[in-house]
């Protein structure tokens, strides 16, 4: 399950993942694309803050969809994407999906992630 919200004042998409990846990854991709288009109207770019601290390990079918979402975001105005996570296996999965792009950071706390996004 996930929850997606936006913070227009910060040009930011916030995604919180909880439990199993029991959703259609295409639905999440569509929500991210729609949200980023609304946010980019302010300044032409957007940031993402994803909280993975309550998520399970990512199934392989979601990893491919994740790669596509990351590639789309990078090509369509992503300035930075901060990922808050404490599970090493999940961090390795997300790093692989993101092709270790320097726009994408990994943090132990939301405070650290927020500071990096604001810099």
PDB file of N, CA and C in Angstrom:
ATOM      1  N   UNK A   1       0.835  -1.166   0.000  1.00  0.00           N
ATOM      2  CA  UNK A   1       0.000   0.000   0.000  1.00  0.00           C
ATOM      3  C   UNK A   1       0.896   1.250   0.000  1.00  0.00           C
ATOM      4  N   UNK A   2       0.390   2.319  -0.556  1.00  0.00           N
ATOM      5  CA  UNK A   2       1.117   3.585  -0.544  1.00  0.00           C
ATOM      6  C   UNK A   2       0.133   4.735  -0.392  1.00  0.00           C
ATOM      7  N   UNK A   3       0.682   5.864   0.021  1.00  0.00           N
ATOM      8  CA  UNK A   3      -0.087   7.103   0.100  1.00  0.00           C
ATOM      9  C   UNK A   3       0.741   8.174  -0.593  1.00  0.00           C
ATOM     10  N   UNK A   4       0.150   8.881  -1.537  1.00  0.00           N
ATOM     11  CA  UNK A   4       0.835   9.939  -2.266  1.00  0.00           C
ATOM     12  C   UNK A   4       0.141  11.263  -1.982  1.00  0.00           C
ATOM     13  N   UNK A   5       0.939  12.252  -1.579  1.00  0.00           N
ATOM     14  CA  UNK A   5       0.439  13.606  -1.372  1.00  0.00           C
ATOM     15  C   UNK A   5       1.413  14.578  -2.038  1.00  0.00           C
ATOM     16  N   UNK A   6       1.002  15.815  -2.147  1.00  0.00           N
ATOM     17  CA  UNK A   6       1.889  16.829  -2.713  1.00  0.00           C
ATOM     18  C   UNK A   6       2.006  18.007  -1.758  1.00  0.00           C
ATOM     19  N   UNK A   7       3.141  18.660  -1.831  1.00  0.00           N
ATOM     20  CA  UNK A   7       3.394  19.892  -1.084  1.00  0.00           C
ATOM     21  C   UNK A   7       3.768  20.937  -2.128  1.00  0.00           C
ATOM     22  N   UNK A   8       2.777  21.698  -2.569  1.00  0.00           N
ATOM     23  CA  UNK A   8       2.998  22.676  -3.631  1.00  0.00           C
ATOM     24  C   UNK A   8       3.970  23.767  -3.211  1.00  0.00           C
ATOM     25  N   UNK A   9       3.971  24.132  -1.944  1.00  0.00           N
ATOM     26  CA  UNK A   9       4.877  25.181  -1.464  1.00  0.00           C
ATOM     27  C   UNK A   9       6.340  24.766  -1.600  1.00  0.00           C
ATOM     28  N   UNK A  10       6.608  23.479  -1.490  1.00  0.00           N
ATOM     29  CA  UNK A  10       7.984  22.977  -1.599  1.00  0.00           C
ATOM     30  C   UNK A  10       8.251  22.297  -2.944  1.00  0.00           C
ATOM     31  N   UNK A  11       7.264  22.317  -3.848  1.00  0.00           N
ATOM     32  CA  UNK A  11       7.387  21.627  -5.149  1.00  0.00           C
ATOM     33  C   UNK A  11       7.771  20.165  -4.938  1.00  0.00           C
ATOM     34  N   UNK A  12       7.037  19.481  -4.056  1.00  0.00           N
ATOM     35  CA  UNK A  12       7.452  18.155  -3.617  1.00  0.00           C
ATOM     36  C   UNK A  12       6.309  17.152  -3.651  1.00  0.00           C
ATOM     37  N   UNK A  13       6.630  15.963  -4.118  1.00  0.00           N
ATOM     38  CA  UNK A  13       5.732  14.811  -4.039  1.00  0.00           C
ATOM     39  C   UNK A  13       6.194  13.980  -2.850  1.00  0.00           C
ATOM     40  N   UNK A  14       5.244  13.578  -2.008  1.00  0.00           N
ATOM     41  CA  UNK A  14       5.558  12.757  -0.845  1.00  0.00           C
ATOM     42  C   UNK A  14       4.869  11.402  -1.028  1.00  0.00           C
ATOM     43  N   UNK A  15       5.647  10.331  -0.932  1.00  0.00           N
ATOM     44  CA  UNK A  15       5.089   8.990  -1.055  1.00  0.00           C
ATOM     45  C   UNK A  15       5.501   8.193   0.169  1.00  0.00           C
ATOM     46  N   UNK A  16       4.522   7.583   0.816  1.00  0.00           N
ATOM     47  CA  UNK A  16       4.785   6.717   1.959  1.00  0.00           C
ATOM     48  C   UNK A  16       4.351   5.313   1.589  1.00  0.00           C
ATOM     49  N   UNK A  17       5.273   4.367   1.688  1.00  0.00           N
ATOM     50  CA  UNK A  17       4.987   2.967   1.408  1.00  0.00           C
ATOM     51  C   UNK A  17       4.794   2.240   2.738  1.00  0.00           C
ATOM     52  N   UNK A  18       3.741   1.435   2.822  1.00  0.00           N
ATOM     53  CA  UNK A  18       3.438   0.701   4.049  1.00  0.00           C
ATOM     54  C   UNK A  18       3.118  -0.750   3.703  1.00  0.00           C
ATOM     55  N   UNK A  19       3.816  -1.673   4.351  1.00  0.00           N
ATOM     56  CA  UNK A  19       3.513  -3.091   4.185  1.00  0.00           C
ATOM     57  C   UNK A  19       3.882  -3.619   2.818  1.00  0.00           C
ATOM     58  N   UNK A  20       3.024  -4.488   2.319  1.00  0.00           N
ATOM     59  CA  UNK A  20       3.277  -5.197   1.064  1.00  0.00           C
ATOM     60  C   UNK A  20       3.062  -4.289  -0.147  1.00  0.00           C
ATOM     61  N   UNK A  21       3.725  -4.631  -1.219  1.00  0.00           N
ATOM     62  CA  UNK A  21       3.557  -3.935  -2.499  1.00  0.00           C
ATOM     63  C   UNK A  21       2.374  -4.589  -3.216  1.00  0.00           C
ATOM     64  N   UNK A  22       1.170  -4.342  -2.699  1.00  0.00           N
ATOM     65  CA  UNK A  22      -0.035  -5.020  -3.180  1.00  0.00           C
ATOM     66  C   UNK A  22      -0.879  -4.132  -4.095  1.00  0.00           C
ATOM     67  N   UNK A  23      -0.247  -3.220  -4.793  1.00  0.00           N
ATOM     68  CA  UNK A  23      -0.944  -2.293  -5.672  1.00  0.00           C
ATOM     69  C   UNK A  23      -0.379  -2.448  -7.077  1.00  0.00           C
ATOM     70  N   UNK A  24      -1.087  -1.891  -8.040  1.00  0.00           N
ATOM     71  CA  UNK A  24      -0.626  -1.899  -9.419  1.00  0.00           C
ATOM     72  C   UNK A  24       0.403  -0.777  -9.578  1.00  0.00           C
ATOM     73  N   UNK A  25       1.622  -1.132  -9.914  1.00  0.00           N
ATOM     74  CA  UNK A  25       2.699  -0.144 -10.043  1.00  0.00           C
ATOM     75  C   UNK A  25       2.383   0.895 -11.109  1.00  0.00           C
ATOM     76  N   UNK A  26       1.589   0.529 -12.098  1.00  0.00           N
ATOM     77  CA  UNK A  26       1.208   1.503 -13.139  1.00  0.00           C
ATOM     78  C   UNK A  26       0.332   2.603 -12.563  1.00  0.00           C
ATOM     79  N   UNK A  27      -0.487   2.271 -11.558  1.00  0.00           N
ATOM     80  CA  UNK A  27      -1.317   3.288 -10.910  1.00  0.00           C
ATOM     81  C   UNK A  27      -0.442   4.303 -10.185  1.00  0.00           C
ATOM     82  N   UNK A  28       0.565   3.817  -9.474  1.00  0.00           N
ATOM     83  CA  UNK A  28       1.481   4.722  -8.785  1.00  0.00           C
ATOM     84  C   UNK A  28       2.224   5.595  -9.794  1.00  0.00           C
ATOM     85  N   UNK A  29       2.698   5.000 -10.869  1.00  0.00           N
ATOM     86  CA  UNK A  29       3.417   5.763 -11.899  1.00  0.00           C
ATOM     87  C   UNK A  29       2.529   6.879 -12.452  1.00  0.00           C
ATOM     88  N   UNK A  30       1.280   6.581 -12.705  1.00  0.00           N
ATOM     89  CA  UNK A  30       0.340   7.581 -13.239  1.00  0.00           C
ATOM     90  C   UNK A  30       0.115   8.698 -12.217  1.00  0.00           C
ATOM     91  N   UNK A  31      -0.043   8.327 -10.941  1.00  0.00           N
ATOM     92  CA  UNK A  31      -0.230   9.350  -9.903  1.00  0.00           C
ATOM     93  C   UNK A  31       0.990  10.255  -9.786  1.00  0.00           C
ATOM     94  N   UNK A  32       2.184   9.679  -9.865  1.00  0.00           N
ATOM     95  CA  UNK A  32       3.412  10.479  -9.791  1.00  0.00           C
ATOM     96  C   UNK A  32       3.497  11.421 -10.985  1.00  0.00           C
ATOM     97  N   UNK A  33       3.191  10.912 -12.171  1.00  0.00           N
ATOM     98  CA  UNK A  33       3.229  11.763 -13.364  1.00  0.00           C
ATOM     99  C   UNK A  33       2.230  12.911 -13.258  1.00  0.00           C
ATOM    100  N   UNK A  34       1.015  12.611 -12.830  1.00  0.00           N
ATOM    101  CA  UNK A  34      -0.007  13.659 -12.691  1.00  0.00           C
ATOM    102  C   UNK A  34       0.409  14.699 -11.646  1.00  0.00           C
ATOM    103  N   UNK A  35       0.904  14.217 -10.506  1.00  0.00           N
ATOM    104  CA  UNK A  35       1.321  15.133  -9.435  1.00  0.00           C
ATOM    105  C   UNK A  35       2.490  15.998  -9.882  1.00  0.00           C
ATOM    106  N   UNK A  36       3.453  15.411 -10.574  1.00  0.00           N
ATOM    107  CA  UNK A  36       4.616  16.188 -11.003  1.00  0.00           C
ATOM    108  C   UNK A  36       4.219  17.258 -12.008  1.00  0.00           C
ATOM    109  N   UNK A  37       3.258  16.970 -12.849  1.00  0.00           N
ATOM    110  CA  UNK A  37       2.811  17.973 -13.816  1.00  0.00           C
ATOM    111  C   UNK A  37       2.170  19.163 -13.116  1.00  0.00           C
ATOM    112  N   UNK A  38       1.417  18.914 -12.050  1.00  0.00           N
ATOM    113  CA  UNK A  38       0.818  20.024 -11.285  1.00  0.00           C
ATOM    114  C   UNK A  38       1.906  20.837 -10.588  1.00  0.00           C
ATOM    115  N   UNK A  39       2.863  20.158 -10.009  1.00  0.00           N
ATOM    116  CA  UNK A  39       3.917  20.833  -9.250  1.00  0.00           C
ATOM    117  C   UNK A  39       4.837  21.626 -10.169  1.00  0.00           C
ATOM    118  N   UNK A  40       5.178  21.078 -11.312  1.00  0.00           N
ATOM    119  CA  UNK A  40       6.110  21.753 -12.232  1.00  0.00           C
ATOM    120  C   UNK A  40       5.561  23.065 -12.763  1.00  0.00           C
ATOM    121  N   UNK A  41       4.271  23.269 -12.689  1.00  0.00           N
ATOM    122  CA  UNK A  41       3.702  24.533 -13.151  1.00  0.00           C
ATOM    123  C   UNK A  41       4.267  25.708 -12.366  1.00  0.00           C
ATOM    124  N   UNK A  42       4.657  25.472 -11.113  1.00  0.00           N
ATOM    125  CA  UNK A  42       5.212  26.542 -10.272  1.00  0.00           C
ATOM    126  C   UNK A  42       6.606  26.961 -10.713  1.00  0.00           C
ATOM    127  N   UNK A  43       7.487  25.993 -11.007  1.00  0.00           N
ATOM    128  CA  UNK A  43       8.891  26.351 -11.237  1.00  0.00           C
ATOM    129  C   UNK A  43       9.598  25.490 -12.283  1.00  0.00           C
ATOM    130  N   UNK A  44       8.941  24.522 -12.853  1.00  0.00           N
ATOM    131  CA  UNK A  44       9.562  23.705 -13.887  1.00  0.00           C
ATOM    132  C   UNK A  44      10.229  22.436 -13.389  1.00  0.00           C
ATOM    133  N   UNK A  45      10.344  22.277 -12.082  1.00  0.00           N
ATOM    134  CA  UNK A  45      10.955  21.050 -11.551  1.00  0.00           C
ATOM    135  C   UNK A  45      10.169  20.580 -10.331  1.00  0.00           C
ATOM    136  N   UNK A  46      10.541  19.422  -9.814  1.00  0.00           N
ATOM    137  CA  UNK A  46       9.909  18.897  -8.611  1.00  0.00           C
ATOM    138  C   UNK A  46      10.904  18.012  -7.868  1.00  0.00           C
ATOM    139  N   UNK A  47      10.627  17.826  -6.588  1.00  0.00           N
ATOM    140  CA  UNK A  47      11.382  16.910  -5.733  1.00  0.00           C
ATOM    141  C   UNK A  47      10.443  15.806  -5.278  1.00  0.00           C
ATOM    142  N   UNK A  48      11.030  14.707  -4.833  1.00  0.00           N
ATOM    143  CA  UNK A  48      10.247  13.626  -4.231  1.00  0.00           C
ATOM    144  C   UNK A  48      10.856  13.261  -2.893  1.00  0.00           C
ATOM    145  N   UNK A  49       9.989  12.908  -1.961  1.00  0.00           N
ATOM    146  CA  UNK A  49      10.403  12.380  -0.671  1.00  0.00           C
ATOM    147  C   UNK A  49       9.615  11.101  -0.461  1.00  0.00           C
ATOM    148  N   UNK A  50      10.324   9.975  -0.449  1.00  0.00           N
ATOM    149  CA  UNK A  50       9.672   8.672  -0.284  1.00  0.00           C
ATOM    150  C   UNK A  50      10.091   8.059   1.035  1.00  0.00           C
ATOM    151  N   UNK A  51       9.096   7.648   1.809  1.00  0.00           N
ATOM    152  CA  UNK A  51       9.340   7.005   3.094  1.00  0.00           C
ATOM    153  C   UNK A  51       9.081   5.510   2.929  1.00  0.00           C
ATOM    154  N   UNK A  52      10.141   4.725   3.042  1.00  0.00           N
ATOM    155  CA  UNK A  52      10.091   3.273   2.861  1.00  0.00           C
ATOM    156  C   UNK A  52      10.222   2.539   4.199  1.00  0.00           C
ATOM    157  N   UNK A  53      10.220   3.250   5.318  1.00  0.00           N
ATOM    158  CA  UNK A  53      10.547   2.627   6.603  1.00  0.00           C
ATOM    159  C   UNK A  53       9.523   1.587   7.050  1.00  0.00           C
ATOM    160  N   UNK A  54       8.326   1.619   6.498  1.00  0.00           N
ATOM    161  CA  UNK A  54       7.299   0.642   6.880  1.00  0.00           C
ATOM    162  C   UNK A  54       6.979  -0.331   5.746  1.00  0.00           C
ATOM    163  N   UNK A  55       7.846  -0.375   4.734  1.00  0.00           N
ATOM    164  CA  UNK A  55       7.580  -1.204   3.554  1.00  0.00           C
ATOM    165  C   UNK A  55       8.276  -2.561   3.640  1.00  0.00           C
ATOM    166  N   UNK A  56       7.703  -3.516   2.956  1.00  0.00           N
ATOM    167  CA  UNK A  56       8.300  -4.841   2.811  1.00  0.00           C
ATOM    168  C   UNK A  56       9.316  -4.812   1.681  1.00  0.00           C
ATOM    169  N   UNK A  57       9.987  -5.920   1.463  1.00  0.00           N
ATOM    170  CA  UNK A  57      10.894  -6.050   0.325  1.00  0.00           C
ATOM    171  C   UNK A  57      10.088  -5.929  -0.964  1.00  0.00           C
ATOM    172  N   UNK A  58      10.681  -5.304  -1.973  1.00  0.00           N
ATOM    173  CA  UNK A  58      10.001  -5.038  -3.235  1.00  0.00           C
ATOM    174  C   UNK A  58      10.004  -6.278  -4.130  1.00  0.00           C
ATOM    175  N   UNK A  59       8.827  -6.710  -4.604  1.00  0.00           N
ATOM    176  CA  UNK A  59       8.779  -7.817  -5.561  1.00  0.00           C
ATOM    177  C   UNK A  59       9.424  -7.402  -6.888  1.00  0.00           C
ATOM    178  N   UNK A  60       9.961  -8.347  -7.619  1.00  0.00           N
ATOM    179  CA  UNK A  60      10.680  -8.074  -8.861  1.00  0.00           C
ATOM    180  C   UNK A  60       9.827  -7.332  -9.883  1.00  0.00           C
ATOM    181  N   UNK A  61       8.532  -7.654  -9.958  1.00  0.00           N
ATOM    182  CA  UNK A  61       7.678  -6.984 -10.956  1.00  0.00           C
ATOM    183  C   UNK A  61       7.527  -5.490 -10.655  1.00  0.00           C
ATOM    184  N   UNK A  62       7.655  -5.100  -9.405  1.00  0.00           N
ATOM    185  CA  UNK A  62       7.599  -3.679  -9.070  1.00  0.00           C
ATOM    186  C   UNK A  62       8.936  -2.991  -9.362  1.00  0.00           C
ATOM    187  N   UNK A  63      10.019  -3.747  -9.326  1.00  0.00           N
ATOM    188  CA  UNK A  63      11.336  -3.158  -9.593  1.00  0.00           C
ATOM    189  C   UNK A  63      11.408  -2.609 -11.011  1.00  0.00           C
ATOM    190  N   UNK A  64      10.927  -3.330 -11.990  1.00  0.00           N
ATOM    191  CA  UNK A  64      10.956  -2.858 -13.386  1.00  0.00           C
ATOM    192  C   UNK A  64      10.094  -1.611 -13.535  1.00  0.00           C
ATOM    193  N   UNK A  65       8.912  -1.635 -12.945  1.00  0.00           N
ATOM    194  CA  UNK A  65       8.045  -0.452 -13.009  1.00  0.00           C
ATOM    195  C   UNK A  65       8.721   0.722 -12.310  1.00  0.00           C
ATOM    196  N   UNK A  66       9.432   0.450 -11.222  1.00  0.00           N
ATOM    197  CA  UNK A  66      10.161   1.497 -10.509  1.00  0.00           C
ATOM    198  C   UNK A  66      11.235   2.120 -11.372  1.00  0.00           C
ATOM    199  N   UNK A  67      11.957   1.303 -12.135  1.00  0.00           N
ATOM    200  CA  UNK A  67      12.974   1.827 -13.055  1.00  0.00           C
ATOM    201  C   UNK A  67      12.346   2.779 -14.057  1.00  0.00           C
ATOM    202  N   UNK A  68      11.197   2.398 -14.582  1.00  0.00           N
ATOM    203  CA  UNK A  68      10.511   3.240 -15.562  1.00  0.00           C
ATOM    204  C   UNK A  68      10.070   4.569 -14.943  1.00  0.00           C
ATOM    205  N   UNK A  69       9.565   4.521 -13.712  1.00  0.00           N
ATOM    206  CA  UNK A  69       9.127   5.746 -13.025  1.00  0.00           C
ATOM    207  C   UNK A  69      10.315   6.665 -12.781  1.00  0.00           C
ATOM    208  N   UNK A  70      11.425   6.097 -12.303  1.00  0.00           N
ATOM    209  CA  UNK A  70      12.617   6.909 -12.039  1.00  0.00           C
ATOM    210  C   UNK A  70      13.107   7.555 -13.330  1.00  0.00           C
ATOM    211  N   UNK A  71      13.185   6.778 -14.401  1.00  0.00           N
ATOM    212  CA  UNK A  71      13.642   7.320 -15.684  1.00  0.00           C
ATOM    213  C   UNK A  71      12.713   8.439 -16.164  1.00  0.00           C
ATOM    214  N   UNK A  72      11.411   8.245 -16.024  1.00  0.00           N
ATOM    215  CA  UNK A  72      10.460   9.274 -16.436  1.00  0.00           C
ATOM    216  C   UNK A  72      10.667  10.535 -15.604  1.00  0.00           C
ATOM    217  N   UNK A  73      10.805  10.376 -14.289  1.00  0.00           N
ATOM    218  CA  UNK A  73      10.988  11.530 -13.413  1.00  0.00           C
ATOM    219  C   UNK A  73      12.248  12.308 -13.764  1.00  0.00           C
ATOM    220  N   UNK A  74      13.353  11.602 -13.955  1.00  0.00           N
ATOM    221  CA  UNK A  74      14.622  12.253 -14.284  1.00  0.00           C
ATOM    222  C   UNK A  74      14.495  13.028 -15.598  1.00  0.00           C
ATOM    223  N   UNK A  75      13.779  12.464 -16.560  1.00  0.00           N
ATOM    224  CA  UNK A  75      13.617  13.112 -17.860  1.00  0.00           C
ATOM    225  C   UNK A  75      12.585  14.246 -17.842  1.00  0.00           C
ATOM    226  N   UNK A  76      11.809  14.331 -16.760  1.00  0.00           N
ATOM    227  CA  UNK A  76      10.700  15.285 -16.731  1.00  0.00           C
ATOM    228  C   UNK A  76      10.719  16.228 -15.528  1.00  0.00           C
ATOM    229  N   UNK A  77      11.894  16.675 -15.140  1.00  0.00           N
ATOM    230  CA  UNK A  77      11.983  17.747 -14.163  1.00  0.00           C
ATOM    231  C   UNK A  77      12.348  17.370 -12.743  1.00  0.00           C
ATOM    232  N   UNK A  78      12.697  16.120 -12.486  1.00  0.00           N
ATOM    233  CA  UNK A  78      13.099  15.755 -11.130  1.00  0.00           C
ATOM    234  C   UNK A  78      14.395  16.462 -10.772  1.00  0.00           C
ATOM    235  N   UNK A  79      14.369  17.220  -9.670  1.00  0.00           N
ATOM    236  CA  UNK A  79      15.569  17.885  -9.172  1.00  0.00           C
ATOM    237  C   UNK A  79      16.294  16.960  -8.209  1.00  0.00           C
ATOM    238  N   UNK A  80      15.573  16.448  -7.205  1.00  0.00           N
ATOM    239  CA  UNK A  80      16.136  15.517  -6.224  1.00  0.00           C
ATOM    240  C   UNK A  80      15.043  14.569  -5.743  1.00  0.00           C
ATOM    241  N   UNK A  81      15.464  13.367  -5.380  1.00  0.00           N
ATOM    242  CA  UNK A  81      14.558  12.386  -4.790  1.00  0.00           C
ATOM    243  C   UNK A  81      15.223  11.814  -3.552  1.00  0.00           C
ATOM    244  N   UNK A  82      14.629  12.043  -2.391  1.00  0.00           N
ATOM    245  CA  UNK A  82      15.167  11.544  -1.118  1.00  0.00           C
ATOM    246  C   UNK A  82      14.357  10.325  -0.686  1.00  0.00           C
ATOM    247  N   UNK A  83      15.059   9.286  -0.298  1.00  0.00           N
ATOM    248  CA  UNK A  83      14.439   8.047   0.145  1.00  0.00           C
ATOM    249  C   UNK A  83      14.837   7.773   1.580  1.00  0.00           C
ATOM    250  N   UNK A  84      13.836   7.669   2.443  1.00  0.00           N
ATOM    251  CA  UNK A  84      14.080   7.365   3.850  1.00  0.00           C
ATOM    252  C   UNK A  84      13.829   5.880   4.032  1.00  0.00           C
ATOM    253  N   UNK A  85      14.880   5.172   4.477  1.00  0.00           N
ATOM    254  CA  UNK A  85      14.737   3.726   4.651  1.00  0.00           C
ATOM    255  C   UNK A  85      15.758   3.207   5.638  1.00  0.00           C
ATOM    256  N   UNK A  86      15.359   2.125   6.306  1.00  0.00           N
ATOM    257  CA  UNK A  86      16.272   1.529   7.263  1.00  0.00           C
ATOM    258  C   UNK A  86      16.622   0.082   6.915  1.00  0.00           C
ATOM    259  N   UNK A  87      15.928  -0.524   5.982  1.00  0.00           N
ATOM    260  CA  UNK A  87      16.201  -1.905   5.575  1.00  0.00           C
ATOM    261  C   UNK A  87      17.258  -1.920   4.468  1.00  0.00           C
ATOM    262  N   UNK A  88      18.369  -2.568   4.726  1.00  0.00           N
ATOM    263  CA  UNK A  88      19.483  -2.608   3.766  1.00  0.00           C
ATOM    264  C   UNK A  88      19.071  -3.272   2.456  1.00  0.00           C
ATOM    265  N   UNK A  89      18.329  -4.374   2.504  1.00  0.00           N
ATOM    266  CA  UNK A  89      17.925  -5.057   1.279  1.00  0.00           C
ATOM    267  C   UNK A  89      17.058  -4.155   0.413  1.00  0.00           C
ATOM    268  N   UNK A  90      16.116  -3.475   1.024  1.00  0.00           N
ATOM    269  CA  UNK A  90      15.257  -2.563   0.272  1.00  0.00           C
ATOM    270  C   UNK A  90      16.068  -1.405  -0.293  1.00  0.00           C
ATOM    271  N   UNK A  91      17.024  -0.904   0.471  1.00  0.00           N
ATOM    272  CA  UNK A  91      17.881   0.173  -0.016  1.00  0.00           C
ATOM    273  C   UNK A  91      18.666  -0.286  -1.240  1.00  0.00           C
ATOM    274  N   UNK A  92      19.177  -1.507  -1.214  1.00  0.00           N
ATOM    275  CA  UNK A  92      19.909  -2.042  -2.371  1.00  0.00           C
ATOM    276  C   UNK A  92      18.991  -2.132  -3.580  1.00  0.00           C
ATOM    277  N   UNK A  93      17.737  -2.554  -3.365  1.00  0.00           N
ATOM    278  CA  UNK A  93      16.788  -2.653  -4.475  1.00  0.00           C
ATOM    279  C   UNK A  93      16.511  -1.281  -5.080  1.00  0.00           C
ATOM    280  N   UNK A  94      16.268  -0.300  -4.241  1.00  0.00           N
ATOM    281  CA  UNK A  94      15.933   1.031  -4.741  1.00  0.00           C
ATOM    282  C   UNK A  94      17.152   1.666  -5.419  1.00  0.00           C
ATOM    283  N   UNK A  95      18.343   1.456  -4.875  1.00  0.00           N
ATOM    284  CA  UNK A  95      19.550   1.974  -5.529  1.00  0.00           C
ATOM    285  C   UNK A  95      19.701   1.385  -6.923  1.00  0.00           C
ATOM    286  N   UNK A  96      19.448   0.092  -7.055  1.00  0.00           N
ATOM    287  CA  UNK A  96      19.559  -0.559  -8.362  1.00  0.00           C
ATOM    288  C   UNK A  96      18.524   0.015  -9.325  1.00  0.00           C
ATOM    289  N   UNK A  97      17.291   0.189  -8.858  1.00  0.00           N
ATOM    290  CA  UNK A  97      16.214   0.741  -9.683  1.00  0.00           C
ATOM    291  C   UNK A  97      16.556   2.151 -10.150  1.00  0.00           C
ATOM    292  N   UNK A  98      17.231   2.921  -9.298  1.00  0.00           N
ATOM    293  CA  UNK A  98      17.535   4.320  -9.630  1.00  0.00           C
ATOM    294  C   UNK A  98      18.810   4.480 -10.446  1.00  0.00           C
ATOM    295  N   UNK A  99      19.454   3.390 -10.785  1.00  0.00           N
ATOM    296  CA  UNK A  99      20.703   3.425 -11.545  1.00  0.00           C
ATOM    297  C   UNK A  99      21.750   4.295 -10.868  1.00  0.00           C
ATOM    298  N   UNK A 100      21.647   4.408  -9.540  1.00  0.00           N
ATOM    299  CA  UNK A 100      22.593   5.153  -8.717  1.00  0.00           C
ATOM    300  C   UNK A 100      22.817   6.585  -9.219  1.00  0.00           C
ATOM    301  N   UNK A 101      21.742   7.204  -9.695  1.00  0.00           N
ATOM    302  CA  UNK A 101      21.763   8.594 -10.142  1.00  0.00           C
ATOM    303  C   UNK A 101      22.052   9.503  -8.951  1.00  0.00           C
ATOM    304  N   UNK A 102      22.887  10.535  -9.130  1.00  0.00           N
ATOM    305  CA  UNK A 102      23.246  11.407  -8.008  1.00  0.00           C
ATOM    306  C   UNK A 102      22.107  12.343  -7.584  1.00  0.00           C
ATOM    307  N   UNK A 103      21.013  12.370  -8.334  1.00  0.00           N
ATOM    308  CA  UNK A 103      19.835  13.133  -7.924  1.00  0.00           C
ATOM    309  C   UNK A 103      19.040  12.389  -6.850  1.00  0.00           C
ATOM    310  N   UNK A 104      19.420  11.145  -6.603  1.00  0.00           N
ATOM    311  CA  UNK A 104      18.657  10.294  -5.701  1.00  0.00           C
ATOM    312  C   UNK A 104      19.500   9.979  -4.480  1.00  0.00           C
ATOM    313  N   UNK A 105      18.979  10.364  -3.306  1.00  0.00           N
ATOM    314  CA  UNK A 105      19.700  10.175  -2.055  1.00  0.00           C
ATOM    315  C   UNK A 105      18.982   9.217  -1.122  1.00  0.00           C
ATOM    316  N   UNK A 106      19.745   8.657  -0.180  1.00  0.00           N
ATOM    317  CA  UNK A 106      19.224   7.683   0.773  1.00  0.00           C
ATOM    318  C   UNK A 106      19.569   8.144   2.179  1.00  0.00           C
ATOM    319  N   UNK A 107      18.573   8.107   3.060  1.00  0.00           N
ATOM    320  CA  UNK A 107      18.721   8.682   4.388  1.00  0.00           C
ATOM    321  C   UNK A 107      18.070   7.788   5.434  1.00  0.00           C
ATOM    322  N   UNK A 108      18.589   7.872   6.653  1.00  0.00           N
ATOM    323  CA  UNK A 108      18.061   7.082   7.769  1.00  0.00           C
ATOM    324  C   UNK A 108      16.855   7.761   8.411  1.00  0.00           C
ATOM    325  N   UNK A 109      16.770   9.097   8.287  1.00  0.00           N
ATOM    326  CA  UNK A 109      15.656   9.817   8.920  1.00  0.00           C
ATOM    327  C   UNK A 109      15.035  10.811   7.947  1.00  0.00           C
ATOM    328  N   UNK A 110      13.813  11.158   8.237  1.00  0.00           N
ATOM    329  CA  UNK A 110      13.120  12.144   7.414  1.00  0.00           C
ATOM    330  C   UNK A 110      13.761  13.521   7.574  1.00  0.00           C
ATOM    331  N   UNK A 111      14.275  13.817   8.749  1.00  0.00           N
ATOM    332  CA  UNK A 111      14.949  15.101   8.986  1.00  0.00           C
ATOM    333  C   UNK A 111      16.156  15.260   8.065  1.00  0.00           C
ATOM    334  N   UNK A 112      16.955  14.208   7.943  1.00  0.00           N
ATOM    335  CA  UNK A 112      18.128  14.249   7.051  1.00  0.00           C
ATOM    336  C   UNK A 112      17.665  14.409   5.599  1.00  0.00           C
ATOM    337  N   UNK A 113      16.634  13.703   5.218  1.00  0.00           N
ATOM    338  CA  UNK A 113      16.126  13.776   3.846  1.00  0.00           C
ATOM    339  C   UNK A 113      15.615  15.174   3.526  1.00  0.00           C
ATOM    340  N   UNK A 114      14.860  15.760   4.439  1.00  0.00           N
ATOM    341  CA  UNK A 114      14.327  17.114   4.258  1.00  0.00           C
ATOM    342  C   UNK A 114      15.455  18.129   4.108  1.00  0.00           C
ATOM    343  N   UNK A 115      16.496  17.991   4.937  1.00  0.00           N
ATOM    344  CA  UNK A 115      17.630  18.928   4.876  1.00  0.00           C
ATOM    345  C   UNK A 115      18.321  18.841   3.512  1.00  0.00           C
ATOM    346  N   UNK A 116      18.526  17.638   2.996  1.00  0.00           N
ATOM    347  CA  UNK A 116      19.162  17.443   1.699  1.00  0.00           C
ATOM    348  C   UNK A 116      18.304  18.027   0.569  1.00  0.00           C
ATOM    349  N   UNK A 117      17.008  17.805   0.647  1.00  0.00           N
ATOM    350  CA  UNK A 117      16.121  18.349  -0.385  1.00  0.00           C
ATOM    351  C   UNK A 117      16.093  19.867  -0.363  1.00  0.00           C
ATOM    352  N   UNK A 118      16.215  20.435   0.805  1.00  0.00           N
ATOM    353  CA  UNK A 118      16.152  21.894   0.942  1.00  0.00           C
ATOM    354  C   UNK A 118      17.459  22.587   0.586  1.00  0.00           C
ATOM    355  N   UNK A 119      18.534  21.832   0.489  1.00  0.00           N
ATOM    356  CA  UNK A 119      19.859  22.439   0.183  1.00  0.00           C
ATOM    357  C   UNK A 119      19.956  22.841  -1.276  1.00  0.00           C
TER     358      UNK A 119
END
